[in-house]
C-alpha atoms as a PDB file:
ATOM      1  CA  MET A   1       4.489  16.108  24.105  1.00  0.00           C
ATOM      2  CA  THR A   2       6.223  13.561  22.414  1.00  0.00           C
ATOM      3  CA  HIS A   3       5.384  11.517  19.223  1.00  0.00           C
ATOM      4  CA  LYS A   4       3.619   8.844  20.888  1.00  0.00           C
ATOM      5  CA  ASP A   5       1.892  11.133  23.508  1.00  0.00           C
ATOM      6  CA  HIS A   6       0.492  12.961  20.169  1.00  0.00           C
ATOM      7  CA  MET A   7      -0.497   9.663  18.561  1.00  0.00           C
ATOM      8  CA  LEU A   8      -1.985   8.238  21.799  1.00  0.00           C
ATOM      9  CA  ALA A   9      -3.830  11.253  22.812  1.00  0.00           C
ATOM     10  CA  THR A  10      -5.309  11.645  19.384  1.00  0.00           C
ATOM     11  CA  LEU A  11      -6.732   8.037  19.632  1.00  0.00           C
ATOM     12  CA  ARG A  12      -8.466   8.556  23.193  1.00  0.00           C
ATOM     13  CA  GLY A  13      -9.765  11.782  21.483  1.00  0.00           C
ATOM     14  CA  GLU A  14      -7.681  13.872  23.559  1.00  0.00           C
ATOM     15  CA  PRO A  15      -6.603  17.662  22.460  1.00  0.00           C
ATOM     16  CA  THR A  16      -2.517  18.232  21.628  1.00  0.00           C
ATOM     17  CA  ASP A  17      -0.110  20.623  21.127  1.00  0.00           C
ATOM     18  CA  GLY A  18       0.365  19.961  17.258  1.00  0.00           C
ATOM     19  CA  ILE A  19      -0.684  17.319  14.543  1.00  0.00           C
ATOM     20  CA  PRO A  20       0.993  14.176  14.722  1.00  0.00           C
ATOM     21  CA  TRP A  21       2.849  12.745  11.774  1.00  0.00           C
ATOM     22  CA  ALA A  22       4.266   9.635  11.026  1.00  0.00           C
ATOM     23  CA  PRO A  23       4.629   9.022   7.685  1.00  0.00           C
ATOM     24  CA  ARG A  24       4.665   5.007   6.977  1.00  0.00           C
ATOM     25  CA  LEU A  25       7.926   4.706   5.113  1.00  0.00           C
ATOM     26  CA  ASP A  26       9.274   1.637   5.296  1.00  0.00           C
ATOM     27  CA  LEU A  27       8.393   0.155   1.637  1.00  0.00           C
ATOM     28  CA  TRP A  28       9.907   3.451   0.547  1.00  0.00           C
ATOM     29  CA  TYR A  29      12.846   3.149   2.459  1.00  0.00           C
ATOM     30  CA  ASN A  30      13.317  -1.193   1.492  1.00  0.00           C
ATOM     31  CA  ALA A  31      13.377  -0.352  -1.812  1.00  0.00           C
ATOM     32  CA  HIS A  32      15.513   2.687  -1.997  1.00  0.00           C
ATOM     33  CA  TYR A  33      18.123   1.123   0.473  1.00  0.00           C
ATOM     34  CA  ARG A  34      18.289  -1.949  -1.739  1.00  0.00           C
ATOM     35  CA  ALA A  35      18.731   0.316  -4.769  1.00  0.00           C
ATOM     36  CA  GLY A  36      20.952   2.326  -3.603  1.00  0.00           C
ATOM     37  CA  THR A  37      19.124   5.244  -4.070  1.00  0.00           C
ATOM     38  CA  LEU A  38      18.414   7.152  -0.564  1.00  0.00           C
ATOM     39  CA  PRO A  39      19.251  10.953  -0.496  1.00  0.00           C
ATOM     40  CA  PRO A  40      22.979  11.296  -0.195  1.00  0.00           C
ATOM     41  CA  GLU A  41      22.682  12.419   3.675  1.00  0.00           C
ATOM     42  CA  TYR A  42      20.948   9.041   4.219  1.00  0.00           C
ATOM     43  CA  LYS A  43      22.624   6.705   2.094  1.00  0.00           C
ATOM     44  CA  ASP A  44      24.026   4.790   4.781  1.00  0.00           C
ATOM     45  CA  ALA A  45      21.014   5.729   7.652  1.00  0.00           C
ATOM     46  CA  THR A  46      18.754   3.217   8.859  1.00  0.00           C
ATOM     47  CA  LEU A  47      15.406   4.153   8.929  1.00  0.00           C
ATOM     48  CA  THR A  48      14.673   5.209  12.639  1.00  0.00           C
ATOM     49  CA  GLN A  49      18.199   7.359  12.053  1.00  0.00           C
ATOM     50  CA  ILE A  50      16.247   9.178   9.002  1.00  0.00           C
ATOM     51  CA  LEU A  51      13.233   9.991  10.975  1.00  0.00           C
ATOM     52  CA  ASP A  52      15.157  11.379  14.120  1.00  0.00           C
ATOM     53  CA  ASP A  53      16.807  13.606  11.882  1.00  0.00           C
ATOM     54  CA  LEU A  54      13.352  15.151  10.277  1.00  0.00           C
ATOM     55  CA  GLY A  55      11.816  15.131  13.520  1.00  0.00           C
ATOM     56  CA  TRP A  56       8.973  12.767  12.387  1.00  0.00           C
ATOM     57  CA  GLY A  57       7.379   9.798  14.613  1.00  0.00           C
ATOM     58  CA  PHE A  58       7.732   6.291  13.535  1.00  0.00           C
ATOM     59  CA  HIS A  59       4.684   4.395  11.994  1.00  0.00           C
ATOM     60  CA  ALA A  60       4.937   1.158  14.072  1.00  0.00           C
ATOM     61  CA  VAL A  61       1.785  -0.356  12.873  1.00  0.00           C
ATOM     62  CA  ILE A  62       3.036  -2.651  10.217  1.00  0.00           C
ATOM     63  CA  PRO A  63       5.337  -5.371  11.420  1.00  0.00           C
ATOM     64  CA  PRO A  64       8.677  -5.717   9.499  1.00  0.00           C
ATOM     65  CA  TYR A  65       7.080  -8.474   7.463  1.00  0.00           C
ATOM     66  CA  ARG A  66      10.746  -9.295   5.673  1.00  0.00           C
ATOM     67  CA  ASP A  67      12.818  -9.088   8.501  1.00  0.00           C
ATOM     68  CA  LEU A  68      12.357 -13.179   9.296  1.00  0.00           C
ATOM     69  CA  ARG A  69      14.785 -15.362  11.601  1.00  0.00           C
ATOM     70  CA  GLY A  70      13.866 -17.850   8.876  1.00  0.00           C
ATOM     71  CA  PRO A  71      12.006 -19.032   6.760  1.00  0.00           C
ATOM     72  CA  GLU A  72       9.572 -20.745   8.719  1.00  0.00           C
ATOM     73  CA  ASP A  73       8.292 -17.148  10.031  1.00  0.00           C
ATOM     74  CA  ASP A  74       6.155 -16.522   7.170  1.00  0.00           C
ATOM     75  CA  LEU A  75       5.787 -20.166   5.829  1.00  0.00           C
ATOM     76  CA  HIS A  76       2.052 -20.332   6.900  1.00  0.00           C
ATOM     77  CA  ARG A  77       1.717 -16.763   5.177  1.00  0.00           C
ATOM     78  CA  ALA A  78      -1.426 -18.046   2.667  1.00  0.00           C
ATOM     79  CA  LEU A  79      -3.087 -19.465   6.309  1.00  0.00           C
ATOM     80  CA  GLY A  80      -3.252 -15.782   7.128  1.00  0.00           C
ATOM     81  CA  ILE A  81      -0.717 -16.701   9.990  1.00  0.00           C
ATOM     82  CA  TYR A  82       2.748 -14.989  10.484  1.00  0.00           C
ATOM     83  CA  ASN A  83       5.451 -15.494  13.488  1.00  0.00           C
ATOM     84  CA  ILE A  84       7.378 -12.358  13.149  1.00  0.00           C
ATOM     85  CA  TRP A  85       9.156 -11.778  15.914  1.00  0.00           C
ATOM     86  CA  THR A  86       7.441  -8.306  16.365  1.00  0.00           C
ATOM     87  CA  MET A  87       4.491 -10.451  16.964  1.00  0.00           C
ATOM     88  CA  PRO A  88       3.528 -10.526  20.851  1.00  0.00           C
ATOM     89  CA  ARG A  89       2.239 -14.285  19.725  1.00  0.00           C
ATOM     90  CA  VAL A  90       3.523 -17.387  18.196  1.00  0.00           C
ATOM     91  CA  ILE A  91       1.460 -19.804  16.430  1.00  0.00           C
ATOM     92  CA  LEU A  92       2.409 -23.245  16.138  1.00  0.00           C
ATOM     93  CA  LEU A  93       0.496 -26.039  14.204  1.00  0.00           C
ATOM     94  CA  GLU A  94       0.231 -29.377  15.462  1.00  0.00           C
ATOM     95  CA  ASN A  95      -1.421 -33.095  14.869  1.00  0.00           C
ATOM     96  CA  VAL A  96      -0.535 -32.107  10.770  1.00  0.00           C
ATOM     97  CA  GLU A  97       2.638 -32.733   8.586  1.00  0.00           C
ATOM     98  CA  VAL A  98       3.929 -29.616   7.049  1.00  0.00           C
ATOM     99  CA  VAL A  99       6.032 -30.465   4.256  1.00  0.00           C
ATOM    100  CA  PRO A 100       7.510 -26.631   2.491  1.00  0.00           C
ATOM    101  CA  GLU A 101       9.250 -27.123  -1.021  1.00  0.00           C
ATOM    102  CA  PHE A 102      11.150 -23.870  -1.838  1.00  0.00           C
ATOM    103  CA  ARG A 103      11.499 -23.258  -5.707  1.00  0.00           C
ATOM    104  CA  GLY A 104      13.460 -19.713  -6.211  1.00  0.00           C
ATOM    105  CA  ASP A 105      10.931 -16.868  -5.477  1.00  0.00           C
ATOM    106  CA  LYS A 106       8.306 -19.613  -4.910  1.00  0.00           C
ATOM    107  CA  THR A 107       7.335 -21.531  -1.802  1.00  0.00           C
ATOM    108  CA  VAL A 108       5.001 -24.594  -1.792  1.00  0.00           C
ATOM    109  CA  VAL A 109       3.517 -25.737   1.382  1.00  0.00           C
ATOM    110  CA  GLU A 110       1.354 -29.028   1.932  1.00  0.00           C
ATOM    111  CA  TYR A 111      -0.341 -29.791   4.632  1.00  0.00           C
ATOM    112  CA  ARG A 112      -1.019 -33.483   5.418  1.00  0.00           C
ATOM    113  CA  THR A 113      -3.770 -33.978   7.949  1.00  0.00           C
ATOM    114  CA  PRO A 114      -5.704 -37.147   8.966  1.00  0.00           C
ATOM    115  CA  VAL A 115      -8.622 -35.931   6.882  1.00  0.00           C
ATOM    116  CA  GLY A 116      -7.084 -34.715   4.199  1.00  0.00           C
ATOM    117  CA  THR A 117      -4.126 -32.919   2.333  1.00  0.00           C
ATOM    118  CA  VAL A 118      -3.981 -29.219   1.146  1.00  0.00           C
ATOM    119  CA  ARG A 119      -1.547 -27.085  -0.434  1.00  0.00           C
ATOM    120  CA  THR A 120      -0.395 -23.543  -0.590  1.00  0.00           C
ATOM    121  CA  VAL A 121       1.825 -21.759  -2.844  1.00  0.00           C
ATOM    122  CA  THR A 122       3.595 -18.202  -2.396  1.00  0.00           C
ATOM    123  CA  VAL A 123       5.352 -15.776  -4.427  1.00  0.00           C
ATOM    124  CA  TYR A 124       8.037 -13.524  -3.352  1.00  0.00           C
ATOM    125  CA  ASP A 125      10.030 -12.500  -6.536  1.00  0.00           C
ATOM    126  CA  GLU A 126      12.647  -9.913  -7.750  1.00  0.00           C
ATOM    127  CA  SER A 127       9.992  -7.226  -8.991  1.00  0.00           C
ATOM    128  CA  MET A 128       8.579  -7.000  -5.529  1.00  0.00           C
ATOM    129  CA  ARG A 129      11.745  -6.804  -3.491  1.00  0.00           C
ATOM    130  CA  ARG A 130      12.791  -3.748  -6.183  1.00  0.00           C
ATOM    131  CA  ALA A 131       9.864  -2.362  -5.188  1.00  0.00           C
ATOM    132  CA  GLY A 132      10.112  -2.823  -1.369  1.00  0.00           C
ATOM    133  CA  ILE A 133       7.031  -4.806  -0.803  1.00  0.00           C
ATOM    134  CA  SER A 134       7.736  -7.092   1.895  1.00  0.00           C
ATOM    135  CA  ILE A 135       4.332  -9.548   1.943  1.00  0.00           C
ATOM    136  CA  SER A 136       4.530 -12.215  -0.511  1.00  0.00           C
ATOM    137  CA  HIS A 137       1.923 -13.170  -2.594  1.00  0.00           C
ATOM    138  CA  VAL A 138      -0.577 -16.031  -2.346  1.00  0.00           C
ATOM    139  CA  ALA A 139      -0.548 -17.939  -6.253  1.00  0.00           C
ATOM    140  CA  GLU A 140      -2.790 -20.524  -4.960  1.00  0.00           C
ATOM    141  CA  CYS A 141      -4.734 -20.721  -1.800  1.00  0.00           C
ATOM    142  CA  VAL A 142      -5.551 -23.052   0.796  1.00  0.00           C
ATOM    143  CA  ILE A 143      -8.829 -24.332  -0.511  1.00  0.00           C
ATOM    144  CA  LYS A 144      -9.910 -24.903  -3.508  1.00  0.00           C
ATOM    145  CA  SER A 145     -13.563 -26.400  -3.126  1.00  0.00           C
ATOM    146  CA  ALA A 146     -15.334 -27.145   0.027  1.00  0.00           C
ATOM    147  CA  GLY A 147     -13.583 -30.574  -0.462  1.00  0.00           C
ATOM    148  CA  ASP A 148     -10.843 -28.585   1.847  1.00  0.00           C
ATOM    149  CA  TYR A 149     -12.944 -27.819   4.463  1.00  0.00           C
ATOM    150  CA  GLU A 150     -12.003 -30.893   6.781  1.00  0.00           C
ATOM    151  CA  ALA A 151      -8.598 -30.442   6.669  1.00  0.00           C
ATOM    152  CA  VAL A 152      -8.601 -26.697   7.016  1.00  0.00           C
ATOM    153  CA  GLY A 153     -10.579 -26.713  10.210  1.00  0.00           C
ATOM    154  CA  HIS A 154      -8.342 -29.559  11.491  1.00  0.00           C
ATOM    155  CA  ILE A 155      -5.388 -27.309  10.805  1.00  0.00           C
ATOM    156  CA  PHE A 156      -6.705 -24.360  12.900  1.00  0.00           C
ATOM    157  CA  GLU A 157      -8.198 -26.722  15.578  1.00  0.00           C
ATOM    158  CA  ASN A 158      -4.951 -28.032  16.293  1.00  0.00           C
ATOM    159  CA  ALA A 159      -3.314 -24.626  16.149  1.00  0.00           C
ATOM    160  CA  ARG A 160      -1.540 -24.139  19.601  1.00  0.00           C
ATOM    161  CA  VAL A 161      -0.665 -20.052  20.266  1.00  0.00           C
ATOM    162  CA  GLU A 162       2.041 -19.031  23.025  1.00  0.00           C
ATOM    163  CA  PRO A 163       3.137 -15.692  24.402  1.00  0.00           C
ATOM    164  CA  ASN A 164       6.193 -14.017  22.497  1.00  0.00           C
ATOM    165  CA  TYR A 165       5.659 -10.843  24.455  1.00  0.00           C
ATOM    166  CA  ALA A 166       9.620 -10.560  24.934  1.00  0.00           C
ATOM    167  CA  GLY A 167       9.612 -10.096  21.262  1.00  0.00           C
ATOM    168  CA  TYR A 168       7.157  -7.363  21.349  1.00  0.00           C
ATOM    169  CA  LEU A 169       8.526  -5.905  24.021  1.00  0.00           C
ATOM    170  CA  GLU A 170      12.168  -5.599  22.381  1.00  0.00           C
ATOM    171  CA  TYR A 171      10.488  -4.110  19.668  1.00  0.00           C
ATOM    172  CA  ALA A 172       8.259  -1.426  21.499  1.00  0.00           C
ATOM    173  CA  ASN A 173      11.418  -0.305  23.371  1.00  0.00           C
ATOM    174  CA  GLY A 174      13.304   0.162  19.769  1.00  0.00           C
ATOM    175  CA  VAL A 175      10.316   2.103  18.804  1.00  0.00           C
ATOM    176  CA  GLY A 176      10.188   4.250  22.338  1.00  0.00           C
ATOM    177  CA  ASP A 177       8.535   7.952  21.967  1.00  0.00           C
ATOM    178  CA  ARG A 178       9.071   8.042  18.286  1.00  0.00           C
ATOM    179  CA  GLY A 179       5.407   6.172  18.335  1.00  0.00           C
ATOM    180  CA  PHE A 180       3.219   3.344  19.424  1.00  0.00           C
ATOM    181  CA  ALA A 181       4.271  -0.496  18.529  1.00  0.00           C
ATOM    182  CA  THR A 182       1.064  -1.820  17.660  1.00  0.00           C
ATOM    183  CA  ALA A 183       0.588  -5.600  19.066  1.00  0.00           C
ATOM    184  CA  ASN A 184      -0.161  -7.162  15.901  1.00  0.00           C
ATOM    185  CA  ILE A 185      -2.516 -10.142  16.974  1.00  0.00           C
ATOM    186  CA  LEU A 186      -4.806 -10.824  13.934  1.00  0.00           C
ATOM    187  CA  ALA A 187      -5.219  -9.502  10.319  1.00  0.00           C
ATOM    188  CA  ALA A 188      -8.686 -10.637   9.765  1.00  0.00           C
ATOM    189  CA  GLY A 189     -11.482  -9.358  11.915  1.00  0.00           C
ATOM    190  CA  SER A 190     -13.273 -12.872  12.023  1.00  0.00           C
ATOM    191  CA  PRO A 191     -13.276 -16.310  11.339  1.00  0.00           C
ATOM    192  CA  MET A 192     -15.299 -15.881   8.295  1.00  0.00           C
ATOM    193  CA  HIS A 193     -13.347 -12.683   7.267  1.00  0.00           C
ATOM    194  CA  LEU A 194     -10.387 -14.636   7.506  1.00  0.00           C
ATOM    195  CA  LEU A 195     -11.998 -17.423   4.953  1.00  0.00           C
ATOM    196  CA  GLN A 196     -12.608 -14.475   2.826  1.00  0.00           C
ATOM    197  CA  ARG A 197      -9.686 -12.925   3.295  1.00  0.00           C
ATOM    198  CA  ASP A 198      -6.923 -15.534   3.154  1.00  0.00           C
ATOM    199  CA  LEU A 199      -7.947 -18.894   2.783  1.00  0.00           C
ATOM    200  CA  MET A 200      -9.974 -18.899  -0.808  1.00  0.00           C
ATOM    201  CA  PRO A 201     -10.075 -16.378  -4.096  1.00  0.00           C
ATOM    202  CA  ILE A 202     -13.029 -13.559  -3.089  1.00  0.00           C
ATOM    203  CA  ASP A 203     -15.074 -14.924  -6.294  1.00  0.00           C
ATOM    204  CA  LEU A 204     -14.899 -18.905  -4.549  1.00  0.00           C
ATOM    205  CA  PHE A 205     -15.875 -17.278  -1.215  1.00  0.00           C
ATOM    206  CA  PHE A 206     -19.166 -15.926  -2.515  1.00  0.00           C
ATOM    207  CA  TYR A 207     -20.126 -19.110  -4.792  1.00  0.00           C
ATOM    208  CA  GLU A 208     -19.506 -20.695  -1.128  1.00  0.00           C
ATOM    209  CA  MET A 209     -21.728 -18.394   0.448  1.00  0.00           C
ATOM    210  CA  HIS A 210     -24.704 -19.490  -1.638  1.00  0.00           C
ATOM    211  CA  ASP A 211     -23.787 -23.053  -2.465  1.00  0.00           C
ATOM    212  CA  HIS A 212     -22.654 -24.376   1.020  1.00  0.00           C
ATOM    213  CA  PRO A 213     -23.497 -21.836   3.518  1.00  0.00           C
ATOM    214  CA  GLU A 214     -23.942 -24.574   6.309  1.00  0.00           C
ATOM    215  CA  GLN A 215     -20.413 -25.876   5.640  1.00  0.00           C
ATOM    216  CA  LEU A 216     -18.876 -22.872   5.479  1.00  0.00           C
ATOM    217  CA  GLY A 217     -20.451 -21.728   8.841  1.00  0.00           C
ATOM    218  CA  ARG A 218     -19.352 -24.773  10.581  1.00  0.00           C
ATOM    219  CA  LEU A 219     -15.899 -24.131   9.237  1.00  0.00           C
ATOM    220  CA  ALA A 220     -15.658 -20.730  10.293  1.00  0.00           C
ATOM    221  CA  ALA A 221     -16.738 -22.204  13.882  1.00  0.00           C
ATOM    222  CA  ARG A 222     -14.070 -24.366  14.076  1.00  0.00           C
ATOM    223  CA  ILE A 223     -11.811 -21.883  12.966  1.00  0.00           C
ATOM    224  CA  GLY A 224     -13.544 -19.878  16.036  1.00  0.00           C
ATOM    225  CA  THR A 225     -11.567 -21.853  18.320  1.00  0.00           C
ATOM    226  CA  TYR A 226      -8.242 -20.800  17.011  1.00  0.00           C
ATOM    227  CA  PHE A 227      -9.111 -17.146  17.532  1.00  0.00           C
ATOM    228  CA  GLU A 228     -10.328 -17.550  21.206  1.00  0.00           C
ATOM    229  CA  LYS A 229      -6.647 -19.042  21.733  1.00  0.00           C
ATOM    230  CA  VAL A 230      -4.972 -16.217  19.683  1.00  0.00           C
ATOM    231  CA  LEU A 231      -6.892 -13.803  21.938  1.00  0.00           C
ATOM    232  CA  ALA A 232      -6.701 -15.281  24.801  1.00  0.00           C
ATOM    233  CA  VAL A 233      -2.792 -14.721  24.658  1.00  0.00           C
ATOM    234  CA  ALA A 234      -3.145 -11.360  23.173  1.00  0.00           C
ATOM    235  CA  ALA A 235      -4.788 -10.383  26.245  1.00  0.00           C
ATOM    236  CA  GLU A 236      -2.246 -10.850  28.334  1.00  0.00           C
ATOM    237  CA  CYS A 237       0.492  -8.457  26.675  1.00  0.00           C
ATOM    238  CA  PRO A 238       1.455  -5.303  27.818  1.00  0.00           C
ATOM    239  CA  ALA A 239       0.868  -3.385  24.726  1.00  0.00           C
ATOM    240  CA  GLU A 240      -1.081   0.203  24.291  1.00  0.00           C
ATOM    241  CA  VAL A 241      -2.515  -0.652  20.974  1.00  0.00           C
ATOM    242  CA  PHE A 242      -3.460  -3.647  19.301  1.00  0.00           C
ATOM    243  CA  LEU A 243      -4.382  -4.480  15.629  1.00  0.00           C
ATOM    244  CA  PHE A 244      -6.989  -7.081  15.151  1.00  0.00           C
ATOM    245  CA  GLY A 245      -8.843  -6.924  11.901  1.00  0.00           C
ATOM    246  CA  ALA A 246      -7.448  -5.199   8.715  1.00  0.00           C
ATOM    247  CA  ASN A 247      -8.474  -4.234   5.370  1.00  0.00           C
ATOM    248  CA  TYR A 248     -12.059  -3.823   4.742  1.00  0.00           C
ATOM    249  CA  ASP A 249     -13.710  -2.621   1.584  1.00  0.00           C
ATOM    250  CA  SER A 250     -17.660  -1.509   1.412  1.00  0.00           C
ATOM    251  CA  MET A 251     -18.213  -3.387  -1.836  1.00  0.00           C
ATOM    252  CA  ILE A 252     -16.656  -6.940  -0.460  1.00  0.00           C
ATOM    253  CA  GLN A 253     -17.639  -6.439   3.470  1.00  0.00           C
ATOM    254  CA  TYR A 254     -20.448  -4.671   2.497  1.00  0.00           C
ATOM    255  CA  LEU A 255     -22.586  -3.363   5.876  1.00  0.00           C
ATOM    256  CA  PRO A 256     -25.142  -6.502   6.172  1.00  0.00           C
ATOM    257  CA  PHE A 257     -22.091  -8.782   5.978  1.00  0.00           C
ATOM    258  CA  PHE A 258     -19.924  -7.231   8.220  1.00  0.00           C
ATOM    259  CA  GLU A 259     -22.596  -6.861  10.848  1.00  0.00           C
ATOM    260  CA  GLU A 260     -23.192 -10.428  10.843  1.00  0.00           C
ATOM    261  CA  HIS A 261     -20.018 -11.893  10.488  1.00  0.00           C
ATOM    262  CA  ILE A 262     -17.601  -9.504  11.501  1.00  0.00           C
END
């Protein structure tokens, strides 16, 4: 059995002739490659060359977040929107003026809509690069108060979703039988999870659930139209495994919340 056969059989609950082994090494590799501290025998090797030499599988669940075609690929990171080339869909924002400003390691983005302006701030600094971290830090969330709900609802209702199956298949072909290339669809498992996970600080989210539950629910419903568009495109993707929803904690997505909103 190939590494891919092992992994898919395990997911299906089928027996295998060995234990699948595909450690996530991208962060380790990024940090050591940049620092020039890879093991001597691998000092010029790619990650896949190292895996092939060791006989290990390829952990291709997390997309290569820093493998960007340009800054626009993760410009909307603070909205929970990534357009990495390996993802089977592209999300385009329409009927909104997007005004980015790059201040060294900081990216400020203003979203000017007919119903208000909101902004986000992300940071990707030298300490993060040295550590091999691939995802920027959200320093300022898009929602600061209920006054931002209309603008945010407008952004997501007006998002257009297009297929990027060719990009996904190029990535999957590169992974080959080393493992399965996960089709990354959405990191949030529902509109309410997106609000909680990406669009506002966690303390503000729970205050809003208490203080403005109906408004929050209406905003989640508006974001739901965006989720439907993404899922419609994802449904046609020729992938075997999809990632839809990630990063759960029983203290934050506690059972009643999970049952009702995720």
